[in-house]
All heavy atoms as atom14 arrays in JSON, in Angstrom:
{
  "sequence": "NGFAFTFGDPVVDLSRLDLSTVGEDPVVVPVD",
  "atom14_mask": [
    [1, 1, 1, 1, 1, 1, 1, 1, 0, 0, 0, 0, 0, 0],
    [1, 1, 1, 1, 0, 0, 0, 0, 0, 0, 0, 0, 0, 0],
    [1, 1, 1, 1, 1, 1, 1, 1, 1, 1, 1, 0, 0, 0],
    [1, 1, 1, 1, 1, 0, 0, 0, 0, 0, 0, 0, 0, 0],
    [1, 1, 1, 1, 1, 1, 1, 1, 1, 1, 1, 0, 0, 0],
    [1, 1, 1, 1, 1, 1, 1, 0, 0, 0, 0, 0, 0, 0],
    [1, 1, 1, 1, 1, 1, 1, 1, 1, 1, 1, 0, 0, 0],
    [1, 1, 1, 1, 0, 0, 0, 0, 0, 0, 0, 0, 0, 0],
    [1, 1, 1, 1, 1, 1, 1, 1, 0, 0, 0, 0, 0, 0],
    [1, 1, 1, 1, 1, 1, 1, 0, 0, 0, 0, 0, 0, 0],
    [1, 1, 1, 1, 1, 1, 1, 0, 0, 0, 0, 0, 0, 0],
    [1, 1, 1, 1, 1, 1, 1, 0, 0, 0, 0, 0, 0, 0],
    [1, 1, 1, 1, 1, 1, 1, 1, 0, 0, 0, 0, 0, 0],
    [1, 1, 1, 1, 1, 1, 1, 1, 0, 0, 0, 0, 0, 0],
    [1, 1, 1, 1, 1, 1, 0, 0, 0, 0, 0, 0, 0, 0],
    [1, 1, 1, 1, 1, 1, 1, 1, 1, 1, 1, 0, 0, 0],
    [1, 1, 1, 1, 1, 1, 1, 1, 0, 0, 0, 0, 0, 0],
    [1, 1, 1, 1, 1, 1, 1, 1, 0, 0, 0, 0, 0, 0],
    [1, 1, 1, 1, 1, 1, 1, 1, 0, 0, 0, 0, 0, 0],
    [1, 1, 1, 1, 1, 1, 0, 0, 0, 0, 0, 0, 0, 0],
    [1, 1, 1, 1, 1, 1, 1, 0, 0, 0, 0, 0, 0, 0],
    [1, 1, 1, 1, 1, 1, 1, 0, 0, 0, 0, 0, 0, 0],
    [1, 1, 1, 1, 0, 0, 0, 0, 0, 0, 0, 0, 0, 0],
    [1, 1, 1, 1, 1, 1, 1, 1, 1, 0, 0, 0, 0, 0],
    [1, 1, 1, 1, 1, 1, 1, 1, 0, 0, 0, 0, 0, 0],
    [1, 1, 1, 1, 1, 1, 1, 0, 0, 0, 0, 0, 0, 0],
    [1, 1, 1, 1, 1, 1, 1, 0, 0, 0, 0, 0, 0, 0],
    [1, 1, 1, 1, 1, 1, 1, 0, 0, 0, 0, 0, 0, 0],
    [1, 1, 1, 1, 1, 1, 1, 0, 0, 0, 0, 0, 0, 0],
    [1, 1, 1, 1, 1, 1, 1, 0, 0, 0, 0, 0, 0, 0],
    [1, 1, 1, 1, 1, 1, 1, 0, 0, 0, 0, 0, 0, 0],
    [1, 1, 1, 1, 1, 1, 1, 1, 0, 0, 0, 0, 0, 0]
  ],
  "atom14_positions": [
    [[74.8, 110.51, 105.68], [74.34, 109.38, 106.49], [74.76, 108.05, 105.86], [74.92, 107.06, 106.55], [72.82, 109.41, 106.67], [72.4, 110.46, 107.67], [73.17, 110.89, 108.5], [71.16, 110.89, 107.55], [0.0, 0.0, 0.0], [0.0, 0.0, 0.0], [0.0, 0.0, 0.0], [0.0, 0.0, 0.0], [0.0, 0.0, 0.0], [0.0, 0.0, 0.0]],
    [[74.92, 108.02, 104.55], [75.5, 106.87, 103.88], [74.53, 105.77, 103.53], [73.33, 105.87, 103.75], [0.0, 0.0, 0.0], [0.0, 0.0, 0.0], [0.0, 0.0, 0.0], [0.0, 0.0, 0.0], [0.0, 0.0, 0.0], [0.0, 0.0, 0.0], [0.0, 0.0, 0.0], [0.0, 0.0, 0.0], [0.0, 0.0, 0.0], [0.0, 0.0, 0.0]],
    [[75.12, 104.69, 102.96], [74.36, 103.56, 102.46], [75.09, 102.27, 102.81], [76.31, 102.22, 102.74], [74.21, 103.65, 100.93], [73.53, 104.9, 100.47], [74.27, 106.05, 100.25], [72.17, 104.93, 100.29], [73.65, 107.22, 99.85], [71.54, 106.1, 99.89], [72.28, 107.24, 99.66], [0.0, 0.0, 0.0], [0.0, 0.0, 0.0], [0.0, 0.0, 0.0]],
    [[74.34, 101.23, 103.14], [74.93, 99.9, 103.39], [74.0, 98.85, 102.81], [72.81, 98.83, 103.1], [75.13, 99.67, 104.88], [0.0, 0.0, 0.0], [0.0, 0.0, 0.0], [0.0, 0.0, 0.0], [0.0, 0.0, 0.0], [0.0, 0.0, 0.0], [0.0, 0.0, 0.0], [0.0, 0.0, 0.0], [0.0, 0.0, 0.0], [0.0, 0.0, 0.0]],
    [[74.56, 97.99, 101.96], [73.79, 96.94, 101.31], [74.46, 95.6, 101.56], [75.68, 95.51, 101.53], [73.71, 97.17, 99.8], [73.19, 98.53, 99.42], [74.06, 99.53, 99.04], [71.83, 98.8, 99.46], [73.6, 100.79, 98.7], [71.36, 100.06, 99.11], [72.24, 101.06, 98.73], [0.0, 0.0, 0.0], [0.0, 0.0, 0.0], [0.0, 0.0, 0.0]],
    [[73.68, 94.56, 101.76], [74.24, 93.22, 101.93], [74.59, 92.64, 100.57], [75.71, 92.19, 100.37], [73.25, 92.29, 102.66], [72.94, 92.89, 103.92], [73.87, 90.93, 102.9], [0.0, 0.0, 0.0], [0.0, 0.0, 0.0], [0.0, 0.0, 0.0], [0.0, 0.0, 0.0], [0.0, 0.0, 0.0], [0.0, 0.0, 0.0], [0.0, 0.0, 0.0]],
    [[73.65, 92.64, 99.63], [73.95, 92.18, 98.28], [72.97, 92.8, 97.3], [71.94, 93.34, 97.67], [73.95, 90.65, 98.17], [72.63, 90.0, 98.49], [71.7, 89.78, 97.49], [72.33, 89.6, 99.78], [70.49, 89.17, 97.78], [71.12, 89.0, 100.08], [70.21, 88.78, 99.08], [0.0, 0.0, 0.0], [0.0, 0.0, 0.0], [0.0, 0.0, 0.0]],
    [[73.32, 92.72, 96.02], [72.47, 93.26, 94.98], [73.26, 94.12, 94.01], [74.49, 94.1, 94.0], [0.0, 0.0, 0.0], [0.0, 0.0, 0.0], [0.0, 0.0, 0.0], [0.0, 0.0, 0.0], [0.0, 0.0, 0.0], [0.0, 0.0, 0.0], [0.0, 0.0, 0.0], [0.0, 0.0, 0.0], [0.0, 0.0, 0.0], [0.0, 0.0, 0.0]],
    [[72.53, 94.9, 93.22], [73.13, 95.78, 92.22], [72.58, 97.19, 92.4], [71.9, 97.72, 91.51], [72.83, 95.27, 90.8], [73.4, 93.88, 90.55], [74.39, 93.53, 91.2], [72.84, 93.16, 89.7], [0.0, 0.0, 0.0], [0.0, 0.0, 0.0], [0.0, 0.0, 0.0], [0.0, 0.0, 0.0], [0.0, 0.0, 0.0], [0.0, 0.0, 0.0]],
    [[72.85, 97.83, 93.54], [72.28, 99.15, 93.8], [72.99, 100.26, 93.0], [74.15, 100.14, 92.64], [72.51, 99.34, 95.29], [73.73, 98.55, 95.59], [73.64, 97.35, 94.67], [0.0, 0.0, 0.0], [0.0, 0.0, 0.0], [0.0, 0.0, 0.0], [0.0, 0.0, 0.0], [0.0, 0.0, 0.0], [0.0, 0.0, 0.0], [0.0, 0.0, 0.0]],
    [[72.25, 101.33, 92.76], [72.79, 102.54, 92.14], [72.56, 103.69, 93.11], [71.43, 103.92, 93.54], [72.09, 102.84, 90.79], [72.6, 104.16, 90.21], [72.29, 101.7, 89.81], [0.0, 0.0, 0.0], [0.0, 0.0, 0.0], [0.0, 0.0, 0.0], [0.0, 0.0, 0.0], [0.0, 0.0, 0.0], [0.0, 0.0, 0.0], [0.0, 0.0, 0.0]],
    [[73.63, 104.38, 93.49], [73.54, 105.55, 94.35], [73.8, 106.76, 93.46], [74.92, 106.96, 92.98], [74.55, 105.49, 95.52], [74.48, 106.77, 96.34], [74.28, 104.27, 96.38], [0.0, 0.0, 0.0], [0.0, 0.0, 0.0], [0.0, 0.0, 0.0], [0.0, 0.0, 0.0], [0.0, 0.0, 0.0], [0.0, 0.0, 0.0], [0.0, 0.0, 0.0]],
    [[72.76, 107.55, 93.22], [72.83, 108.69, 92.31], [73.0, 109.98, 93.12], [72.07, 110.45, 93.77], [71.57, 108.75, 91.46], [71.63, 109.82, 90.38], [72.58, 110.62, 90.38], [70.71, 109.85, 89.55], [0.0, 0.0, 0.0], [0.0, 0.0, 0.0], [0.0, 0.0, 0.0], [0.0, 0.0, 0.0], [0.0, 0.0, 0.0], [0.0, 0.0, 0.0]],
    [[74.2, 110.54, 93.06], [74.52, 111.78, 93.77], [74.51, 112.99, 92.82], [74.89, 114.08, 93.21], [75.88, 111.67, 94.44], [76.06, 110.51, 95.41], [77.5, 110.41, 95.87], [75.12, 110.64, 96.6], [0.0, 0.0, 0.0], [0.0, 0.0, 0.0], [0.0, 0.0, 0.0], [0.0, 0.0, 0.0], [0.0, 0.0, 0.0], [0.0, 0.0, 0.0]],
    [[74.06, 112.78, 91.59], [74.14, 113.84, 90.58], [73.21, 115.02, 90.88], [73.44, 116.12, 90.39], [73.84, 113.28, 89.19], [72.5, 112.82, 89.11], [0.0, 0.0, 0.0], [0.0, 0.0, 0.0], [0.0, 0.0, 0.0], [0.0, 0.0, 0.0], [0.0, 0.0, 0.0], [0.0, 0.0, 0.0], [0.0, 0.0, 0.0], [0.0, 0.0, 0.0]],
    [[72.19, 114.82, 91.68], [71.26, 115.91, 92.02], [71.53, 116.47, 93.41], [70.71, 117.21, 93.96], [69.83, 115.4, 91.93], [69.47, 115.02, 90.51], [68.0, 114.72, 90.37], [67.75, 114.28, 89.01], [67.1, 113.18, 88.71], [66.62, 112.4, 89.65], [66.9, 112.86, 87.45], [0.0, 0.0, 0.0], [0.0, 0.0, 0.0], [0.0, 0.0, 0.0]],
    [[72.66, 116.13, 93.97], [73.03, 116.58, 95.31], [73.3, 118.08, 95.3], [74.06, 118.58, 94.47], [74.28, 115.82, 95.76], [74.71, 115.93, 97.2], [73.62, 115.47, 98.14], [75.96, 115.11, 97.42], [0.0, 0.0, 0.0], [0.0, 0.0, 0.0], [0.0, 0.0, 0.0], [0.0, 0.0, 0.0], [0.0, 0.0, 0.0], [0.0, 0.0, 0.0]],
    [[72.67, 118.82, 96.21], [72.86, 120.27, 96.29], [74.13, 120.55, 97.07], [74.17, 120.45, 98.3], [71.65, 120.92, 96.97], [71.79, 122.43, 97.09], [72.66, 123.01, 96.4], [71.02, 123.02, 97.88], [0.0, 0.0, 0.0], [0.0, 0.0, 0.0], [0.0, 0.0, 0.0], [0.0, 0.0, 0.0], [0.0, 0.0, 0.0], [0.0, 0.0, 0.0]],
    [[75.21, 120.9, 96.36], [76.51, 121.15, 96.98], [76.81, 122.65, 97.1], [77.94, 123.03, 97.41], [77.6, 120.46, 96.16], [77.48, 118.94, 96.1], [78.46, 118.37, 95.08], [77.69, 118.32, 97.46], [0.0, 0.0, 0.0], [0.0, 0.0, 0.0], [0.0, 0.0, 0.0], [0.0, 0.0, 0.0], [0.0, 0.0, 0.0], [0.0, 0.0, 0.0]],
    [[75.8, 123.5, 96.89], [76.02, 124.96, 96.91], [76.34, 125.49, 98.3], [76.97, 126.54, 98.43], [74.8, 125.67, 96.34], [73.66, 125.41, 97.14], [0.0, 0.0, 0.0], [0.0, 0.0, 0.0], [0.0, 0.0, 0.0], [0.0, 0.0, 0.0], [0.0, 0.0, 0.0], [0.0, 0.0, 0.0], [0.0, 0.0, 0.0], [0.0, 0.0, 0.0]],
    [[75.94, 124.79, 99.35], [76.17, 125.27, 100.72], [77.36, 124.61, 101.4], [77.57, 124.81, 102.58], [74.91, 125.02, 101.57], [74.63, 123.61, 101.59], [73.71, 125.77, 101.01], [0.0, 0.0, 0.0], [0.0, 0.0, 0.0], [0.0, 0.0, 0.0], [0.0, 0.0, 0.0], [0.0, 0.0, 0.0], [0.0, 0.0, 0.0], [0.0, 0.0, 0.0]],
    [[78.13, 123.82, 100.66], [79.26, 123.1, 101.25], [80.37, 124.08, 101.58], [80.75, 124.91, 100.75], [79.77, 122.0, 100.29], [81.01, 121.33, 100.86], [78.68, 120.99, 100.04], [0.0, 0.0, 0.0], [0.0, 0.0, 0.0], [0.0, 0.0, 0.0], [0.0, 0.0, 0.0], [0.0, 0.0, 0.0], [0.0, 0.0, 0.0], [0.0, 0.0, 0.0]],
    [[80.91, 123.99, 102.81], [81.99, 124.87, 103.23], [83.35, 124.28, 102.89], [83.54, 123.69, 101.82], [0.0, 0.0, 0.0], [0.0, 0.0, 0.0], [0.0, 0.0, 0.0], [0.0, 0.0, 0.0], [0.0, 0.0, 0.0], [0.0, 0.0, 0.0], [0.0, 0.0, 0.0], [0.0, 0.0, 0.0], [0.0, 0.0, 0.0], [0.0, 0.0, 0.0]],
    [[84.3, 124.42, 103.81], [85.66, 123.94, 103.59], [85.75, 122.41, 103.61], [86.55, 121.82, 102.9], [86.6, 124.5, 104.65], [86.84, 125.98, 104.53], [87.8, 126.48, 105.59], [88.57, 125.67, 106.13], [87.77, 127.68, 105.87], [0.0, 0.0, 0.0], [0.0, 0.0, 0.0], [0.0, 0.0, 0.0], [0.0, 0.0, 0.0], [0.0, 0.0, 0.0]],
    [[84.95, 121.79, 104.47], [85.0, 120.33, 104.59], [84.17, 119.67, 103.5], [83.05, 120.11, 103.21], [84.48, 119.89, 105.96], [85.37, 120.39, 107.09], [86.59, 120.49, 106.88], [84.82, 120.67, 108.18], [0.0, 0.0, 0.0], [0.0, 0.0, 0.0], [0.0, 0.0, 0.0], [0.0, 0.0, 0.0], [0.0, 0.0, 0.0], [0.0, 0.0, 0.0]],
    [[84.69, 118.61, 102.9], [83.92, 117.94, 101.85], [82.73, 117.18, 102.42], [82.69, 116.84, 103.6], [84.94, 116.97, 101.23], [85.9, 116.69, 102.33], [85.98, 117.97, 103.13], [0.0, 0.0, 0.0], [0.0, 0.0, 0.0], [0.0, 0.0, 0.0], [0.0, 0.0, 0.0], [0.0, 0.0, 0.0], [0.0, 0.0, 0.0], [0.0, 0.0, 0.0]],
    [[81.78, 116.9, 101.56], [80.66, 116.03, 101.9], [81.18, 114.6, 101.82], [81.61, 114.16, 100.75], [79.47, 116.25, 100.93], [78.36, 115.25, 101.23], [78.97, 117.67, 101.0], [0.0, 0.0, 0.0], [0.0, 0.0, 0.0], [0.0, 0.0, 0.0], [0.0, 0.0, 0.0], [0.0, 0.0, 0.0], [0.0, 0.0, 0.0], [0.0, 0.0, 0.0]],
    [[81.17, 113.89, 102.95], [81.69, 112.52, 103.0], [80.52, 111.55, 102.89], [79.59, 111.59, 103.7], [82.47, 112.27, 104.31], [82.98, 110.85, 104.37], [83.61, 113.27, 104.44], [0.0, 0.0, 0.0], [0.0, 0.0, 0.0], [0.0, 0.0, 0.0], [0.0, 0.0, 0.0], [0.0, 0.0, 0.0], [0.0, 0.0, 0.0], [0.0, 0.0, 0.0]],
    [[80.58, 110.69, 101.86], [79.49, 109.75, 101.6], [80.02, 108.32, 101.73], [80.74, 107.83, 100.86], [78.92, 109.95, 100.18], [77.75, 108.99, 99.95], [78.49, 111.39, 99.96], [0.0, 0.0, 0.0], [0.0, 0.0, 0.0], [0.0, 0.0, 0.0], [0.0, 0.0, 0.0], [0.0, 0.0, 0.0], [0.0, 0.0, 0.0], [0.0, 0.0, 0.0]],
    [[79.68, 107.62, 102.85], [80.09, 106.22, 102.97], [79.09, 105.3, 102.26], [77.88, 105.46, 102.39], [80.06, 105.97, 104.49], [79.09, 106.98, 105.02], [79.1, 108.15, 104.07], [0.0, 0.0, 0.0], [0.0, 0.0, 0.0], [0.0, 0.0, 0.0], [0.0, 0.0, 0.0], [0.0, 0.0, 0.0], [0.0, 0.0, 0.0], [0.0, 0.0, 0.0]],
    [[79.62, 104.36, 101.47], [78.79, 103.39, 100.77], [79.43, 102.02, 100.96], [80.59, 101.82, 100.6], [78.67, 103.71, 99.26], [77.73, 102.71, 98.59], [78.2, 105.13, 99.02], [0.0, 0.0, 0.0], [0.0, 0.0, 0.0], [0.0, 0.0, 0.0], [0.0, 0.0, 0.0], [0.0, 0.0, 0.0], [0.0, 0.0, 0.0], [0.0, 0.0, 0.0]],
    [[78.68, 101.09, 101.54], [79.18, 99.74, 101.8], [78.31, 98.72, 101.07], [77.09, 98.79, 101.11], [79.14, 99.42, 103.29], [80.06, 100.31, 104.11], [81.13, 100.68, 103.59], [79.71, 100.64, 105.26], [0.0, 0.0, 0.0], [0.0, 0.0, 0.0], [0.0, 0.0, 0.0], [0.0, 0.0, 0.0], [0.0, 0.0, 0.0], [0.0, 0.0, 0.0]]
  ]
}
């Protein structure tokens, strides 16, 4: 679903993302 920020110093932590069920297509993460 992604992330969009106007300004600031955000941290997007994907290190705990459960990727065990990912098929052929990658998980696409939009960050703006």
